[in-house]
Protein backbone atom coordinates (compact mmCIF):
# COMPACT_ATOMS: atom_id res chain seq x y z
CA MET A 1 133.95 163.10 55.88
CA SER A 2 131.59 160.73 57.44
CA PRO A 3 132.50 157.06 57.81
CA ASP A 4 130.59 154.51 55.78
CA TYR A 5 128.84 151.76 57.61
CA ALA A 6 127.52 148.39 56.42
CA HIS A 7 125.87 145.55 58.23
CA SER A 8 124.41 142.42 56.58
CA GLY A 9 121.81 139.88 57.47
CA ILE A 10 118.26 140.12 58.85
CA ALA A 11 117.66 138.91 62.39
CA THR A 12 114.31 137.08 63.01
CA LEU A 13 113.04 136.96 66.56
CA GLY A 14 110.66 134.33 67.70
CA ASN A 15 109.21 133.05 71.03
CA THR A 16 112.18 130.79 71.72
CA THR A 17 115.08 133.05 70.53
CA LEU A 18 114.55 136.60 71.44
CA TYR A 19 117.96 137.81 70.42
CA ALA A 20 119.80 138.88 67.33
CA ASP A 21 123.51 139.19 66.44
CA GLY A 22 125.34 141.07 63.73
CA LYS A 23 128.51 142.89 62.78
CA LEU A 24 128.97 146.47 61.64
CA THR A 25 131.88 147.51 59.62
CA ILE A 26 133.34 150.99 59.41
CA THR A 27 135.67 152.76 57.05
CA ASP A 28 136.93 156.08 58.20
CA PRO A 29 139.82 157.97 56.49
CA ASP A 30 140.87 159.49 59.85
CA VAL A 31 143.60 157.41 61.64
CA GLY A 32 142.29 155.63 64.82
CA GLU A 33 138.62 156.38 64.19
CA SER A 34 137.58 153.18 62.42
CA GLY A 35 136.04 151.66 65.44
CA PHE A 36 132.99 151.91 67.76
CA GLU A 37 132.43 153.29 71.10
CA ARG A 38 131.38 151.16 73.94
CA GLN A 39 129.15 152.74 76.51
CA GLY A 40 129.20 151.64 80.12
CA SER A 41 131.62 149.04 81.65
CA ASN A 42 129.59 145.79 81.89
CA GLY A 43 126.70 144.18 80.37
CA TYR A 44 124.41 145.71 77.80
CA ASN A 45 125.59 149.25 76.87
CA TYR A 46 122.99 150.39 74.51
CA HIS A 47 119.22 150.45 75.58
CA GLY A 48 116.31 150.31 73.13
CA THR A 49 112.70 150.48 73.59
CA TYR A 50 112.12 146.82 73.73
CA GLY A 51 115.58 145.42 74.50
CA ASP A 52 119.24 146.01 74.99
CA LEU A 53 122.45 145.83 72.89
CA ILE A 54 126.12 145.07 73.51
CA LEU A 55 128.46 146.62 70.89
CA LEU A 56 132.07 145.68 70.85
CA THR A 57 134.79 148.01 69.54
CA ASP A 58 135.13 145.69 66.45
CA GLY A 59 131.59 146.26 65.40
CA THR A 60 130.17 142.94 66.69
CA TRP A 61 126.78 143.39 68.30
CA HIS A 62 124.29 141.28 70.31
CA TYR A 63 120.71 142.39 70.95
CA HIS A 64 118.49 140.77 73.59
CA ALA A 65 114.73 141.52 73.51
CA ASP A 66 113.06 141.73 76.96
CA ALA A 67 110.35 139.19 76.37
CA GLY A 68 109.10 139.67 79.89
CA HIS A 69 108.97 135.87 80.61
CA LEU A 70 106.90 134.88 83.51
CA SER A 71 108.60 133.17 86.44
CA GLY A 72 105.63 131.59 88.37
CA ILE A 73 101.97 131.83 89.30
CA GLY A 74 100.89 135.46 89.54
CA ALA A 75 104.16 136.74 88.09
CA ARG A 76 103.63 139.70 85.82
CA PRO A 77 105.65 140.47 82.70
CA THR A 78 107.76 143.59 82.25
CA THR A 79 106.25 146.52 80.42
CA ARG A 80 108.75 145.99 77.46
CA GLY A 81 108.01 142.34 77.47
CA THR A 82 104.26 142.95 77.49
CA ALA A 83 104.49 144.91 74.32
CA ILE A 84 106.36 142.03 72.63
CA ASP A 85 104.15 139.35 74.04
CA GLN A 86 100.98 141.30 72.76
CA LEU A 87 102.11 141.02 69.09
CA GLY A 88 99.90 138.64 67.11
CA GLU A 89 100.58 136.81 63.90
CA GLY A 90 101.50 139.38 61.25
CA GLN A 91 102.26 142.26 63.67
CA SER A 92 105.65 143.60 64.38
CA LEU A 93 107.60 146.22 66.45
CA THR A 94 110.87 147.94 65.58
CA ASP A 95 113.55 148.80 67.97
CA THR A 96 115.95 151.40 66.90
CA ILE A 97 119.30 151.73 68.67
CA THR A 98 121.69 154.50 67.81
CA VAL A 99 125.42 153.46 68.16
CA HIS A 100 128.40 155.82 67.95
CA SER A 101 131.77 155.50 66.13
CA LYS A 102 134.93 156.81 67.69
CA ASP A 103 134.59 159.97 65.95
CA GLY A 104 131.10 160.54 67.24
CA THR A 105 129.20 159.74 63.98
CA THR A 106 125.97 157.81 64.72
CA HIS A 107 124.37 154.89 63.05
CA ASP A 108 120.99 153.26 63.65
CA ILE A 109 120.60 149.42 64.20
CA VAL A 110 117.05 148.64 63.48
CA ILE A 111 115.64 145.43 64.92
CA THR A 112 112.29 144.12 63.81
CA ILE A 113 110.43 141.89 66.22
CA HIS A 114 107.69 139.69 64.52
CA GLY A 115 104.72 138.49 66.42
CA SER A 116 103.25 135.10 66.65
CA ASN A 117 100.21 133.29 67.95
CA ASP A 118 101.16 132.48 71.51
CA ARG A 119 99.75 129.70 73.65
CA PRO A 120 97.44 130.87 76.51
CA TYR A 121 98.92 130.77 80.01
CA CYS A 122 97.34 130.84 83.43
CA SER A 123 98.38 134.14 85.23
CA SER A 124 97.20 133.17 88.73
CA GLU A 125 95.62 130.50 90.84
CA VAL A 126 92.10 129.25 90.62
CA VAL A 127 90.27 130.18 93.89
CA LEU A 128 88.28 127.13 95.18
CA ALA A 129 85.40 127.19 97.59
CA ASN A 130 86.02 126.42 101.30
CA GLY A 131 86.02 122.79 102.02
CA SER A 132 88.15 119.83 103.05
CA GLU A 133 90.72 118.06 100.86
CA ASP A 134 88.27 115.13 100.64
CA THR A 135 85.43 117.27 99.40
CA ARG A 136 84.80 117.20 95.61
CA GLN A 137 84.52 120.48 93.89
CA THR A 138 83.38 121.20 90.32
CA LEU A 139 84.64 124.13 88.53
CA THR A 140 82.75 125.79 85.66
CA THR A 141 84.67 126.59 82.52
CA ALA A 142 84.50 130.20 83.37
CA GLN A 143 86.08 129.56 86.79
CA LEU A 144 88.86 127.49 85.37
CA LEU A 145 89.65 129.88 82.58
CA ALA A 146 89.14 133.10 84.63
CA ASN A 147 92.90 133.76 85.01
CA THR A 148 93.89 132.39 81.70
CA VAL A 149 95.42 134.95 79.41
CA ASP A 150 96.14 134.91 75.67
CA VAL A 151 97.14 138.52 74.98
CA ASP A 152 97.10 138.11 71.25
């Protein structure tokens, strides 16, 4: 007989909180099998398409989406983060992570990541013409915005 799973609540991911938490419950008539298997020893032990998940043996889980945050001028987001960042208002992605109970039965945790209208950001420096620090330079709008990105 397969165990019954239940998890409640819907997690909403936004620009400022790219994580979701929940708890799975399991009922298994077989003694000692009403729990979940952890994979790996440290950190996130299940890996999805857009993020990673920690599952504790009591069914508590924590999902962290890889938003690919930029860490400086010229930095590039991760491939997973780019897919999330490219989501516009009204668009979404789903990340399905399959977890295992102690008897090997599987259950899918499905996370829906909703897009939003992000602010533009500058992806690298603006190149100025040669000159001294006291020489005035005028930039055109095109030059100033050449490296500005608003992926959605």
